[in-house]
């Protein structure tokens, strides 16, 4: 059950494309049904390889997502997840909202 009502998914997809995202997904309380008025929104991201400034892409995407959803955002890079339990949980919950046309 994804809480996407009120989210501008087109704006999210445009931000993902602008910042070199390969894939962007929602996970956490926004997809598990535990989402509340004070909840942040968790995004799982993979960036396209070969971008000139990946850190800038990450920071700018984070800022854009916060502005679009008007909530705090946790942006987690999929390949940076080291904890196997967290990785399994996040990937198991992930609901894709954007995939790059490559």
PDB file of N, CA and C in Angstrom:
ATOM      1  N   UNK A   1       0.846  -1.177   0.000  1.00  0.00           N
ATOM      2  CA  UNK A   1       0.000   0.000   0.000  1.00  0.00           C
ATOM      3  C   UNK A   1       0.887   1.235   0.000  1.00  0.00           C
ATOM      4  N   UNK A   2       1.089   1.825  -1.119  1.00  0.00           N
ATOM      5  CA  UNK A   2       1.923   3.012  -1.210  1.00  0.00           C
ATOM      6  C   UNK A   2       1.086   4.260  -0.997  1.00  0.00           C
ATOM      7  N   UNK A   3       1.578   5.139  -0.156  1.00  0.00           N
ATOM      8  CA  UNK A   3       0.913   6.411   0.078  1.00  0.00           C
ATOM      9  C   UNK A   3       1.472   7.415  -0.925  1.00  0.00           C
ATOM     10  N   UNK A   4       0.950   7.397  -2.134  1.00  0.00           N
ATOM     11  CA  UNK A   4       1.436   8.335  -3.150  1.00  0.00           C
ATOM     12  C   UNK A   4       0.436   9.437  -3.427  1.00  0.00           C
ATOM     13  N   UNK A   5      -0.735   9.360  -2.814  1.00  0.00           N
ATOM     14  CA  UNK A   5      -1.716  10.426  -2.994  1.00  0.00           C
ATOM     15  C   UNK A   5      -1.103  11.730  -2.499  1.00  0.00           C
ATOM     16  N   UNK A   6      -1.185  12.729  -3.310  1.00  0.00           N
ATOM     17  CA  UNK A   6      -0.605  14.014  -2.942  1.00  0.00           C
ATOM     18  C   UNK A   6       0.837  14.171  -3.375  1.00  0.00           C
ATOM     19  N   UNK A   7       1.469  13.084  -3.811  1.00  0.00           N
ATOM     20  CA  UNK A   7       2.842  13.177  -4.312  1.00  0.00           C
ATOM     21  C   UNK A   7       2.802  13.481  -5.800  1.00  0.00           C
ATOM     22  N   UNK A   8       3.620  14.414  -6.216  1.00  0.00           N
ATOM     23  CA  UNK A   8       3.722  14.741  -7.635  1.00  0.00           C
ATOM     24  C   UNK A   8       4.734  13.780  -8.265  1.00  0.00           C
ATOM     25  N   UNK A   9       4.243  12.624  -8.695  1.00  0.00           N
ATOM     26  CA  UNK A   9       5.131  11.595  -9.236  1.00  0.00           C
ATOM     27  C   UNK A   9       5.836  12.056 -10.504  1.00  0.00           C
ATOM     28  N   UNK A  10       5.188  12.889 -11.300  1.00  0.00           N
ATOM     29  CA  UNK A  10       5.852  13.414 -12.498  1.00  0.00           C
ATOM     30  C   UNK A  10       7.043  14.283 -12.116  1.00  0.00           C
ATOM     31  N   UNK A  11       6.888  15.122 -11.097  1.00  0.00           N
ATOM     32  CA  UNK A  11       7.998  15.968 -10.635  1.00  0.00           C
ATOM     33  C   UNK A  11       9.117  15.113 -10.053  1.00  0.00           C
ATOM     34  N   UNK A  12       8.762  14.055  -9.336  1.00  0.00           N
ATOM     35  CA  UNK A  12       9.765  13.139  -8.785  1.00  0.00           C
ATOM     36  C   UNK A  12      10.545  12.489  -9.924  1.00  0.00           C
ATOM     37  N   UNK A  13       9.851  12.061 -10.946  1.00  0.00           N
ATOM     38  CA  UNK A  13      10.514  11.417 -12.091  1.00  0.00           C
ATOM     39  C   UNK A  13      11.407  12.399 -12.843  1.00  0.00           C
ATOM     40  N   UNK A  14      10.954  13.644 -12.996  1.00  0.00           N
ATOM     41  CA  UNK A  14      11.791  14.650 -13.669  1.00  0.00           C
ATOM     42  C   UNK A  14      13.057  14.925 -12.863  1.00  0.00           C
ATOM     43  N   UNK A  15      12.931  15.002 -11.539  1.00  0.00           N
ATOM     44  CA  UNK A  15      14.105  15.220 -10.686  1.00  0.00           C
ATOM     45  C   UNK A  15      15.070  14.047 -10.809  1.00  0.00           C
ATOM     46  N   UNK A  16      14.539  12.843 -10.819  1.00  0.00           N
ATOM     47  CA  UNK A  16      15.386  11.652 -10.960  1.00  0.00           C
ATOM     48  C   UNK A  16      16.148  11.689 -12.277  1.00  0.00           C
ATOM     49  N   UNK A  17      15.468  12.026 -13.339  1.00  0.00           N
ATOM     50  CA  UNK A  17      16.120  12.093 -14.651  1.00  0.00           C
ATOM     51  C   UNK A  17      17.190  13.187 -14.675  1.00  0.00           C
ATOM     52  N   UNK A  18      16.865  14.338 -14.117  1.00  0.00           N
ATOM     53  CA  UNK A  18      17.789  15.481 -14.102  1.00  0.00           C
ATOM     54  C   UNK A  18      19.084  15.164 -13.345  1.00  0.00           C
ATOM     55  N   UNK A  19      18.991  14.323 -12.323  1.00  0.00           N
ATOM     56  CA  UNK A  19      20.148  14.059 -11.465  1.00  0.00           C
ATOM     57  C   UNK A  19      20.795  12.700 -11.711  1.00  0.00           C
ATOM     58  N   UNK A  20      20.570  12.120 -12.876  1.00  0.00           N
ATOM     59  CA  UNK A  20      21.295  10.919 -13.270  1.00  0.00           C
ATOM     60  C   UNK A  20      20.918   9.655 -12.532  1.00  0.00           C
ATOM     61  N   UNK A  21      19.649   9.523 -12.198  1.00  0.00           N
ATOM     62  CA  UNK A  21      19.187   8.340 -11.475  1.00  0.00           C
ATOM     63  C   UNK A  21      18.925   7.201 -12.458  1.00  0.00           C
ATOM     64  N   UNK A  22      19.419   6.017 -12.112  1.00  0.00           N
ATOM     65  CA  UNK A  22      19.114   4.811 -12.882  1.00  0.00           C
ATOM     66  C   UNK A  22      17.779   4.231 -12.423  1.00  0.00           C
ATOM     67  N   UNK A  23      17.580   4.192 -11.096  1.00  0.00           N
ATOM     68  CA  UNK A  23      16.333   3.666 -10.534  1.00  0.00           C
ATOM     69  C   UNK A  23      16.058   4.340  -9.203  1.00  0.00           C
ATOM     70  N   UNK A  24      14.784   4.659  -8.966  1.00  0.00           N
ATOM     71  CA  UNK A  24      14.351   5.288  -7.719  1.00  0.00           C
ATOM     72  C   UNK A  24      13.127   4.543  -7.214  1.00  0.00           C
ATOM     73  N   UNK A  25      13.146   4.183  -5.930  1.00  0.00           N
ATOM     74  CA  UNK A  25      12.030   3.435  -5.353  1.00  0.00           C
ATOM     75  C   UNK A  25      11.679   3.995  -3.983  1.00  0.00           C
ATOM     76  N   UNK A  26      10.444   3.797  -3.596  1.00  0.00           N
ATOM     77  CA  UNK A  26       9.979   4.102  -2.246  1.00  0.00           C
ATOM     78  C   UNK A  26      10.132   2.851  -1.394  1.00  0.00           C
ATOM     79  N   UNK A  27      10.403   3.040  -0.100  1.00  0.00           N
ATOM     80  CA  UNK A  27      10.400   1.918   0.836  1.00  0.00           C
ATOM     81  C   UNK A  27      10.084   2.470   2.213  1.00  0.00           C
ATOM     82  N   UNK A  28       9.982   1.609   3.200  1.00  0.00           N
ATOM     83  CA  UNK A  28       9.714   2.059   4.562  1.00  0.00           C
ATOM     84  C   UNK A  28       8.229   2.276   4.815  1.00  0.00           C
ATOM     85  N   UNK A  29       7.932   3.166   5.764  1.00  0.00           N
ATOM     86  CA  UNK A  29       6.551   3.341   6.217  1.00  0.00           C
ATOM     87  C   UNK A  29       5.599   3.775   5.111  1.00  0.00           C
ATOM     88  N   UNK A  30       6.120   4.430   4.094  1.00  0.00           N
ATOM     89  CA  UNK A  30       5.257   4.878   2.997  1.00  0.00           C
ATOM     90  C   UNK A  30       4.684   3.694   2.211  1.00  0.00           C
ATOM     91  N   UNK A  31       5.322   2.541   2.273  1.00  0.00           N
ATOM     92  CA  UNK A  31       4.809   1.356   1.578  1.00  0.00           C
ATOM     93  C   UNK A  31       4.303   0.264   2.519  1.00  0.00           C
ATOM     94  N   UNK A  32       4.624   0.359   3.813  1.00  0.00           N
ATOM     95  CA  UNK A  32       4.213  -0.709   4.737  1.00  0.00           C
ATOM     96  C   UNK A  32       2.887  -0.443   5.427  1.00  0.00           C
ATOM     97  N   UNK A  33       2.360   0.773   5.286  1.00  0.00           N
ATOM     98  CA  UNK A  33       1.103   1.095   5.949  1.00  0.00           C
ATOM     99  C   UNK A  33       1.284   1.745   7.299  1.00  0.00           C
ATOM    100  N   UNK A  34       2.528   1.988   7.719  1.00  0.00           N
ATOM    101  CA  UNK A  34       2.795   2.634   9.002  1.00  0.00           C
ATOM    102  C   UNK A  34       3.007   4.137   8.852  1.00  0.00           C
ATOM    103  N   UNK A  35       2.671   4.696   7.707  1.00  0.00           N
ATOM    104  CA  UNK A  35       2.914   6.096   7.386  1.00  0.00           C
ATOM    105  C   UNK A  35       1.987   6.980   8.206  1.00  0.00           C
ATOM    106  N   UNK A  36       2.577   8.009   8.839  1.00  0.00           N
ATOM    107  CA  UNK A  36       1.797   8.938   9.648  1.00  0.00           C
ATOM    108  C   UNK A  36       2.054  10.379   9.266  1.00  0.00           C
ATOM    109  N   UNK A  37       1.402  11.278   9.959  1.00  0.00           N
ATOM    110  CA  UNK A  37       1.526  12.701   9.626  1.00  0.00           C
ATOM    111  C   UNK A  37       2.939  13.230   9.831  1.00  0.00           C
ATOM    112  N   UNK A  38       3.693  12.623  10.729  1.00  0.00           N
ATOM    113  CA  UNK A  38       5.067  13.070  10.991  1.00  0.00           C
ATOM    114  C   UNK A  38       6.121  12.201  10.311  1.00  0.00           C
ATOM    115  N   UNK A  39       5.693  11.255   9.498  1.00  0.00           N
ATOM    116  CA  UNK A  39       6.642  10.336   8.858  1.00  0.00           C
ATOM    117  C   UNK A  39       7.466  11.033   7.783  1.00  0.00           C
ATOM    118  N   UNK A  40       8.714  10.594   7.673  1.00  0.00           N
ATOM    119  CA  UNK A  40       9.515  11.021   6.526  1.00  0.00           C
ATOM    120  C   UNK A  40       9.233  10.045   5.386  1.00  0.00           C
ATOM    121  N   UNK A  41       9.822  10.325   4.236  1.00  0.00           N
ATOM    122  CA  UNK A  41       9.645   9.442   3.089  1.00  0.00           C
ATOM    123  C   UNK A  41      11.004   8.867   2.720  1.00  0.00           C
ATOM    124  N   UNK A  42      11.062   7.547   2.646  1.00  0.00           N
ATOM    125  CA  UNK A  42      12.303   6.839   2.354  1.00  0.00           C
ATOM    126  C   UNK A  42      12.378   6.502   0.870  1.00  0.00           C
ATOM    127  N   UNK A  43      13.492   6.898   0.253  1.00  0.00           N
ATOM    128  CA  UNK A  43      13.752   6.590  -1.150  1.00  0.00           C
ATOM    129  C   UNK A  43      15.021   5.758  -1.245  1.00  0.00           C
ATOM    130  N   UNK A  44      14.998   4.785  -2.122  1.00  0.00           N
ATOM    131  CA  UNK A  44      16.147   3.947  -2.441  1.00  0.00           C
ATOM    132  C   UNK A  44      16.572   4.320  -3.854  1.00  0.00           C
ATOM    133  N   UNK A  45      17.861   4.618  -4.044  1.00  0.00           N
ATOM    134  CA  UNK A  45      18.308   5.141  -5.333  1.00  0.00           C
ATOM    135  C   UNK A  45      19.536   4.405  -5.848  1.00  0.00           C
ATOM    136  N   UNK A  46      19.586   4.252  -7.161  1.00  0.00           N
ATOM    137  CA  UNK A  46      20.780   3.825  -7.892  1.00  0.00           C
ATOM    138  C   UNK A  46      21.041   4.905  -8.930  1.00  0.00           C
ATOM    139  N   UNK A  47      22.283   5.356  -9.015  1.00  0.00           N
ATOM    140  CA  UNK A  47      22.646   6.376  -9.991  1.00  0.00           C
ATOM    141  C   UNK A  47      23.273   5.730 -11.223  1.00  0.00           C
ATOM    142  N   UNK A  48      23.135   6.412 -12.351  1.00  0.00           N
ATOM    143  CA  UNK A  48      23.786   5.966 -13.580  1.00  0.00           C
ATOM    144  C   UNK A  48      25.298   6.087 -13.420  1.00  0.00           C
ATOM    145  N   UNK A  49      26.064   5.166 -13.963  1.00  0.00           N
ATOM    146  CA  UNK A  49      27.530   5.256 -13.866  1.00  0.00           C
ATOM    147  C   UNK A  49      28.064   6.388 -14.749  1.00  0.00           C
ATOM    148  N   UNK A  50      29.238   6.887 -14.376  1.00  0.00           N
ATOM    149  CA  UNK A  50      29.940   7.852 -15.209  1.00  0.00           C
ATOM    150  C   UNK A  50      29.488   9.291 -15.078  1.00  0.00           C
ATOM    151  N   UNK A  51      28.690   9.602 -14.068  1.00  0.00           N
ATOM    152  CA  UNK A  51      28.264  10.985 -13.869  1.00  0.00           C
ATOM    153  C   UNK A  51      29.450  11.799 -13.369  1.00  0.00           C
ATOM    154  N   UNK A  52      29.582  13.084 -13.794  1.00  0.00           N
ATOM    155  CA  UNK A  52      30.757  13.871 -13.431  1.00  0.00           C
ATOM    156  C   UNK A  52      30.874  14.178 -11.938  1.00  0.00           C
ATOM    157  N   UNK A  53      29.737  14.345 -11.231  1.00  0.00           N
ATOM    158  CA  UNK A  53      29.793  14.691  -9.810  1.00  0.00           C
ATOM    159  C   UNK A  53      28.679  13.965  -9.054  1.00  0.00           C
ATOM    160  N   UNK A  54      28.910  12.692  -8.699  1.00  0.00           N
ATOM    161  CA  UNK A  54      27.867  11.905  -8.041  1.00  0.00           C
ATOM    162  C   UNK A  54      27.401  12.499  -6.712  1.00  0.00           C
ATOM    163  N   UNK A  55      28.314  13.128  -5.967  1.00  0.00           N
ATOM    164  CA  UNK A  55      27.918  13.726  -4.690  1.00  0.00           C
ATOM    165  C   UNK A  55      26.944  14.877  -4.919  1.00  0.00           C
ATOM    166  N   UNK A  56      27.207  15.686  -5.927  1.00  0.00           N
ATOM    167  CA  UNK A  56      26.291  16.781  -6.271  1.00  0.00           C
ATOM    168  C   UNK A  56      24.938  16.227  -6.703  1.00  0.00           C
ATOM    169  N   UNK A  57      24.942  15.156  -7.494  1.00  0.00           N
ATOM    170  CA  UNK A  57      23.679  14.526  -7.897  1.00  0.00           C
ATOM    171  C   UNK A  57      22.888  14.069  -6.672  1.00  0.00           C
ATOM    172  N   UNK A  58      23.562  13.433  -5.726  1.00  0.00           N
ATOM    173  CA  UNK A  58      22.907  12.944  -4.515  1.00  0.00           C
ATOM    174  C   UNK A  58      22.293  14.100  -3.729  1.00  0.00           C
ATOM    175  N   UNK A  59      23.096  15.129  -3.466  1.00  0.00           N
ATOM    176  CA  UNK A  59      22.623  16.267  -2.662  1.00  0.00           C
ATOM    177  C   UNK A  59      21.480  17.010  -3.348  1.00  0.00           C
ATOM    178  N   UNK A  60      21.617  17.244  -4.640  1.00  0.00           N
ATOM    179  CA  UNK A  60      20.583  17.967  -5.376  1.00  0.00           C
ATOM    180  C   UNK A  60      19.291  17.149  -5.456  1.00  0.00           C
ATOM    181  N   UNK A  61      19.414  15.840  -5.659  1.00  0.00           N
ATOM    182  CA  UNK A  61      18.228  14.988  -5.684  1.00  0.00           C
ATOM    183  C   UNK A  61      17.536  15.014  -4.330  1.00  0.00           C
ATOM    184  N   UNK A  62      18.304  14.898  -3.260  1.00  0.00           N
ATOM    185  CA  UNK A  62      17.740  14.947  -1.912  1.00  0.00           C
ATOM    186  C   UNK A  62      16.966  16.242  -1.701  1.00  0.00           C
ATOM    187  N   UNK A  63      17.574  17.368  -2.056  1.00  0.00           N
ATOM    188  CA  UNK A  63      16.913  18.667  -1.893  1.00  0.00           C
ATOM    189  C   UNK A  63      15.648  18.756  -2.742  1.00  0.00           C
ATOM    190  N   UNK A  64      15.730  18.302  -3.982  1.00  0.00           N
ATOM    191  CA  UNK A  64      14.558  18.348  -4.865  1.00  0.00           C
ATOM    192  C   UNK A  64      13.426  17.473  -4.334  1.00  0.00           C
ATOM    193  N   UNK A  65      13.746  16.274  -3.870  1.00  0.00           N
ATOM    194  CA  UNK A  65      12.710  15.386  -3.346  1.00  0.00           C
ATOM    195  C   UNK A  65      12.032  15.988  -2.119  1.00  0.00           C
ATOM    196  N   UNK A  66      12.820  16.591  -1.229  1.00  0.00           N
ATOM    197  CA  UNK A  66      12.232  17.256  -0.048  1.00  0.00           C
ATOM    198  C   UNK A  66      11.262  18.347  -0.464  1.00  0.00           C
ATOM    199  N   UNK A  67      11.651  19.134  -1.459  1.00  0.00           N
ATOM    200  CA  UNK A  67      10.789  20.223  -1.924  1.00  0.00           C
ATOM    201  C   UNK A  67       9.518  19.680  -2.588  1.00  0.00           C
ATOM    202  N   UNK A  68       9.642  18.601  -3.318  1.00  0.00           N
ATOM    203  CA  UNK A  68       8.489  18.034  -4.038  1.00  0.00           C
ATOM    204  C   UNK A  68       7.489  17.407  -3.075  1.00  0.00           C
ATOM    205  N   UNK A  69       7.969  16.593  -2.132  1.00  0.00           N
ATOM    206  CA  UNK A  69       7.046  15.872  -1.237  1.00  0.00           C
ATOM    207  C   UNK A  69       6.692  16.669   0.009  1.00  0.00           C
ATOM    208  N   UNK A  70       7.404  17.777   0.229  1.00  0.00           N
ATOM    209  CA  UNK A  70       7.139  18.659   1.372  1.00  0.00           C
ATOM    210  C   UNK A  70       7.197  17.911   2.706  1.00  0.00           C
ATOM    211  N   UNK A  71       8.192  17.040   2.802  1.00  0.00           N
ATOM    212  CA  UNK A  71       8.470  16.269   4.019  1.00  0.00           C
ATOM    213  C   UNK A  71       9.964  16.011   4.087  1.00  0.00           C
ATOM    214  N   UNK A  72      10.407  15.571   5.258  1.00  0.00           N
ATOM    215  CA  UNK A  72      11.787  15.105   5.352  1.00  0.00           C
ATOM    216  C   UNK A  72      11.929  13.852   4.497  1.00  0.00           C
ATOM    217  N   UNK A  73      13.117  13.680   3.949  1.00  0.00           N
ATOM    218  CA  UNK A  73      13.397  12.568   3.046  1.00  0.00           C
ATOM    219  C   UNK A  73      14.660  11.852   3.509  1.00  0.00           C
ATOM    220  N   UNK A  74      14.608  10.532   3.526  1.00  0.00           N
ATOM    221  CA  UNK A  74      15.812   9.717   3.669  1.00  0.00           C
ATOM    222  C   UNK A  74      16.116   9.158   2.288  1.00  0.00           C
ATOM    223  N   UNK A  75      17.313   9.470   1.787  1.00  0.00           N
ATOM    224  CA  UNK A  75      17.735   8.998   0.472  1.00  0.00           C
ATOM    225  C   UNK A  75      18.872   8.012   0.683  1.00  0.00           C
ATOM    226  N   UNK A  76      18.635   6.755   0.347  1.00  0.00           N
ATOM    227  CA  UNK A  76      19.592   5.680   0.588  1.00  0.00           C
ATOM    228  C   UNK A  76      20.089   5.149  -0.753  1.00  0.00           C
ATOM    229  N   UNK A  77      21.404   5.131  -0.922  1.00  0.00           N
ATOM    230  CA  UNK A  77      21.998   4.588  -2.141  1.00  0.00           C
ATOM    231  C   UNK A  77      22.055   3.066  -1.999  1.00  0.00           C
ATOM    232  N   UNK A  78      21.397   2.377  -2.921  1.00  0.00           N
ATOM    233  CA  UNK A  78      21.253   0.923  -2.819  1.00  0.00           C
ATOM    234  C   UNK A  78      22.593   0.214  -2.668  1.00  0.00           C
ATOM    235  N   UNK A  79      23.574   0.560  -3.485  1.00  0.00           N
ATOM    236  CA  UNK A  79      24.849  -0.172  -3.437  1.00  0.00           C
ATOM    237  C   UNK A  79      25.667   0.151  -2.185  1.00  0.00           C
ATOM    238  N   UNK A  80      25.265   1.180  -1.436  1.00  0.00           N
ATOM    239  CA  UNK A  80      25.988   1.548  -0.220  1.00  0.00           C
ATOM    240  C   UNK A  80      25.455   0.836   1.021  1.00  0.00           C
ATOM    241  N   UNK A  81      24.373   0.091   0.894  1.00  0.00           N
ATOM    242  CA  UNK A  81      23.805  -0.607   2.053  1.00  0.00           C
ATOM    243  C   UNK A  81      24.689  -1.800   2.393  1.00  0.00           C
ATOM    244  N   UNK A  82      25.261  -1.779   3.577  1.00  0.00           N
ATOM    245  CA  UNK A  82      26.158  -2.858   4.010  1.00  0.00           C
ATOM    246  C   UNK A  82      25.473  -3.867   4.931  1.00  0.00           C
ATOM    247  N   UNK A  83      24.496  -3.400   5.708  1.00  0.00           N
ATOM    248  CA  UNK A  83      23.810  -4.284   6.637  1.00  0.00           C
ATOM    249  C   UNK A  83      22.883  -5.222   5.858  1.00  0.00           C
ATOM    250  N   UNK A  84      23.129  -6.533   5.908  1.00  0.00           N
ATOM    251  CA  UNK A  84      22.334  -7.463   5.097  1.00  0.00           C
ATOM    252  C   UNK A  84      20.857  -7.503   5.494  1.00  0.00           C
ATOM    253  N   UNK A  85      20.548  -7.278   6.761  1.00  0.00           N
ATOM    254  CA  UNK A  85      19.160  -7.310   7.212  1.00  0.00           C
ATOM    255  C   UNK A  85      18.402  -6.082   6.710  1.00  0.00           C
ATOM    256  N   UNK A  86      19.058  -4.918   6.809  1.00  0.00           N
ATOM    257  CA  UNK A  86      18.451  -3.693   6.289  1.00  0.00           C
ATOM    258  C   UNK A  86      18.288  -3.784   4.777  1.00  0.00           C
ATOM    259  N   UNK A  87      19.312  -4.312   4.113  1.00  0.00           N
ATOM    260  CA  UNK A  87      19.259  -4.453   2.647  1.00  0.00           C
ATOM    261  C   UNK A  87      18.078  -5.334   2.228  1.00  0.00           C
ATOM    262  N   UNK A  88      17.944  -6.478   2.881  1.00  0.00           N
ATOM    263  CA  UNK A  88      16.849  -7.397   2.561  1.00  0.00           C
ATOM    264  C   UNK A  88      15.492  -6.738   2.801  1.00  0.00           C
ATOM    265  N   UNK A  89      15.367  -6.022   3.912  1.00  0.00           N
ATOM    266  CA  UNK A  89      14.114  -5.350   4.238  1.00  0.00           C
ATOM    267  C   UNK A  89      13.787  -4.257   3.223  1.00  0.00           C
ATOM    268  N   UNK A  90      14.765  -3.392   2.942  1.00  0.00           N
ATOM    269  CA  UNK A  90      14.543  -2.276   2.014  1.00  0.00           C
ATOM    270  C   UNK A  90      14.212  -2.783   0.614  1.00  0.00           C
ATOM    271  N   UNK A  91      14.986  -3.746   0.126  1.00  0.00           N
ATOM    272  CA  UNK A  91      14.746  -4.266  -1.221  1.00  0.00           C
ATOM    273  C   UNK A  91      13.424  -5.028  -1.305  1.00  0.00           C
ATOM    274  N   UNK A  92      13.064  -5.693  -0.215  1.00  0.00           N
ATOM    275  CA  UNK A  92      11.807  -6.431  -0.191  1.00  0.00           C
ATOM    276  C   UNK A  92      10.584  -5.532  -0.206  1.00  0.00           C
ATOM    277  N   UNK A  93      10.728  -4.322   0.335  1.00  0.00           N
ATOM    278  CA  UNK A  93       9.616  -3.373   0.380  1.00  0.00           C
ATOM    279  C   UNK A  93       9.569  -2.448  -0.829  1.00  0.00           C
ATOM    280  N   UNK A  94      10.666  -2.313  -1.534  1.00  0.00           N
ATOM    281  CA  UNK A  94      10.827  -1.268  -2.552  1.00  0.00           C
ATOM    282  C   UNK A  94       9.736  -1.309  -3.617  1.00  0.00           C
ATOM    283  N   UNK A  95       9.178  -0.124  -3.879  1.00  0.00           N
ATOM    284  CA  UNK A  95       8.214   0.063  -4.961  1.00  0.00           C
ATOM    285  C   UNK A  95       8.782   1.112  -5.904  1.00  0.00           C
ATOM    286  N   UNK A  96       9.153   0.686  -7.083  1.00  0.00           N
ATOM    287  CA  UNK A  96       9.835   1.544  -8.048  1.00  0.00           C
ATOM    288  C   UNK A  96       8.918   2.652  -8.552  1.00  0.00           C
ATOM    289  N   UNK A  97       9.466   3.881  -8.568  1.00  0.00           N
ATOM    290  CA  UNK A  97       8.724   5.024  -9.108  1.00  0.00           C
ATOM    291  C   UNK A  97       9.388   5.600 -10.354  1.00  0.00           C
ATOM    292  N   UNK A  98      10.649   5.192 -10.614  1.00  0.00           N
ATOM    293  CA  UNK A  98      11.355   5.697 -11.796  1.00  0.00           C
ATOM    294  C   UNK A  98      12.437   4.708 -12.210  1.00  0.00           C
ATOM    295  N   UNK A  99      12.533   4.472 -13.508  1.00  0.00           N
ATOM    296  CA  UNK A  99      13.631   3.702 -14.098  1.00  0.00           C
ATOM    297  C   UNK A  99      14.077   4.464 -15.340  1.00  0.00           C
ATOM    298  N   UNK A 100      15.381   4.717 -15.445  1.00  0.00           N
ATOM    299  CA  UNK A 100      15.923   5.457 -16.587  1.00  0.00           C
ATOM    300  C   UNK A 100      15.783   4.653 -17.870  1.00  0.00           C
ATOM    301  N   UNK A 101      15.549   5.369 -18.946  1.00  0.00           N
ATOM    302  CA  UNK A 101      15.572   4.752 -20.277  1.00  0.00           C
ATOM    303  C   UNK A 101      17.011   4.768 -20.756  1.00  0.00           C
ATOM    304  N   UNK A 102      17.696   3.640 -20.642  1.00  0.00           N
ATOM    305  CA  UNK A 102      19.103   3.582 -21.057  1.00  0.00           C
ATOM    306  C   UNK A 102      19.279   2.711 -22.262  1.00  0.00           C
TER     307      UNK A 102
END
